[in-house]
Amino acid sequence: MSTTETAHTPGTSPTPGLAPMGSLPARMARVARILRRRHGLYVKPLLLAVFFGLIRLVVWAGMALDNVFFPRLRSARAERPIVLVGNPRTGTTFLQRFLVAEGFGAGMNLFLMLYPSLLLQRLLSPLLPLLERVSPARFHSTAAHQTSLTSVETDDVAVLFRYLDGFFLYGFVLSFDEEDLLPCVDPRVRDTSVRDFAWLDALWRRSLAATGAERNVAKLFSLSARLPRFLAACPSAQILYMVRDPVEVIPSSMSLVTGVLDRAFGFWSMPEDVRKLWLDRMYRAWIVLLRRFHDDWHSGAIQRERVFIVRYDQMMADFESLMDSMCAFLGHEMTPELRATVRKRAEKQRSYTSEHEYDLAQFNLSEAQVRRDCAFYYDTFLPPEPLEVAARSV
C-alpha cells in the first residue's frame, strides 16, 4: 500500500494548526515547544529528537536487511488478523493476551514495535535488561496491567514510535498545547490510514515470521474512529469490539494516562487551569472514539458480519459462553484443552477485583454527565438486559 498521507479529507476545510502537523519535523517541533512551555523541558526534547532520528535510521537499515537474513519474511502474509477494537480499559489487554497465550495468533510485544527489524531484535536481545531501564514502559502503572518490552501491547504504540503521531501523541503531549489539536489526529479531518496500515502490515508480517503463527492478534483502539477504512484495506480481518460502561471506562482511562503523566511530568502538581484544560480535552477525545464507531455502526459503514461484540460484563461473569460464541465467530476450534483453560480462567474472572482505583470527581466528572453525554452508546451497545438474561450472568 502507498504511504502517502492526506492533509485532510475531501470537502473538509483545513483546521487552524493542522497544516504544520503534516510532516514529522513539524510534529517534533510542536512536541518540543509543548514540552518546553508546559513542562519546562529544554534539553531532553533535543536529546529525544536525536535518539528518535537515530532509531529510525537504524531500524530502516535493519528492515532493509531483514529479507536477506530472514527469507521466510518474503512469504509471510498478514491475512485474517484478529483485531480488538475499543476504548482503553474495556478489557482489550486481558483478552488479547489470553488469545495470544492460547494460540489464536501472534501479538506484537513492545520490543518489536520499538525495534521492528528482526535482525535488530536478534542483535539487541542480550541487552534487554538494560533496555528495560530506559523503556517507555517504566512510566506505566502496574495496577492497570503489567507491561515490559516483552509484553504484548496495543499496536497503536507502533504508530507513535514510527511517526510520532496518533491518539497516543495527543493524549500524552499535544493535548497540553494552547490550541486544541484533536483534529490533527481525527481521521475525518486528517486521515493517515494508508500510511499507518502499511506500517502495521510490515510489522505484522515480521511478527508472523518470528513466531511461526498463522494469524495476528492485534489491539488498536484508534480503529474506533476509522474502522470502515481498515475493513476496506484488510478484507479478511475479523473484529472484536469491546464494550464496557463509560462510567467505568472513562475515569479508568483518565487514571491510566494521568498516572503516566504524573510519573513523567508531575501532572497533579501542575497549575489547576492546565490540568482542567487537559481533563476537558481528554474527556471529549474518549467520547469521540465512542461516537465515531457508533455512527459508523448505525450508518451501515461497518460490515456487521465481520464484527463480534464483546461485553465486558459478560466477559467477567460468563467467560465460558462468551468464548464459545467467539470461537464460532473466529473459526477457531474449541478443543478440550482450550475449554479446560477457559473454565479455569472463568472462575478467576468471576472473583476478580482490579487494583486500579479511580474516581469520577477526581477528573471533574459526574456519573450523570457521563451517562448524558454517552446516551447514544448506552442505547446501542448497553441496553438494559431482560431479567432472565441478567440473572443467568450473575
Foldseek 3Di string as FASTA:
>chain_A
DDQDWDLFDPPDDADVVSVLPPALVSLLVQQQVQCCVFQVDHVVSVVVVVVLVVLLVVLVVLQVCLCVVQVVLVVFFAAAAEEEAEAPPLCLQVVLVVCCVVQVWFADFQLCLLRVRPVVCVVCVVVQVVVQVVDLQVLFDCLSPDGTRGGRDACVVSCCSNRVDAPVNCLQGVLLDPDNCPLNRQCNTINSPVNSVVSVRSSRSSRCSVPVGNHYYHYYHSCLRPVLVVCVVHVNYAYEYGDEPCVPRVQLVVLRSVSSCCVVRVLVPGDPVSLLSSLVSSSVVSLSSLVNNLVCVVVVSDDVLRYHYHYSLLCLQPVLVVVVVVCVSSVHDCDPVNSVVSVVVNVCSPVDDRPRDGDQVVSVHDPVVSCVSCVSNCVPPPDDDDPVVVVVRD
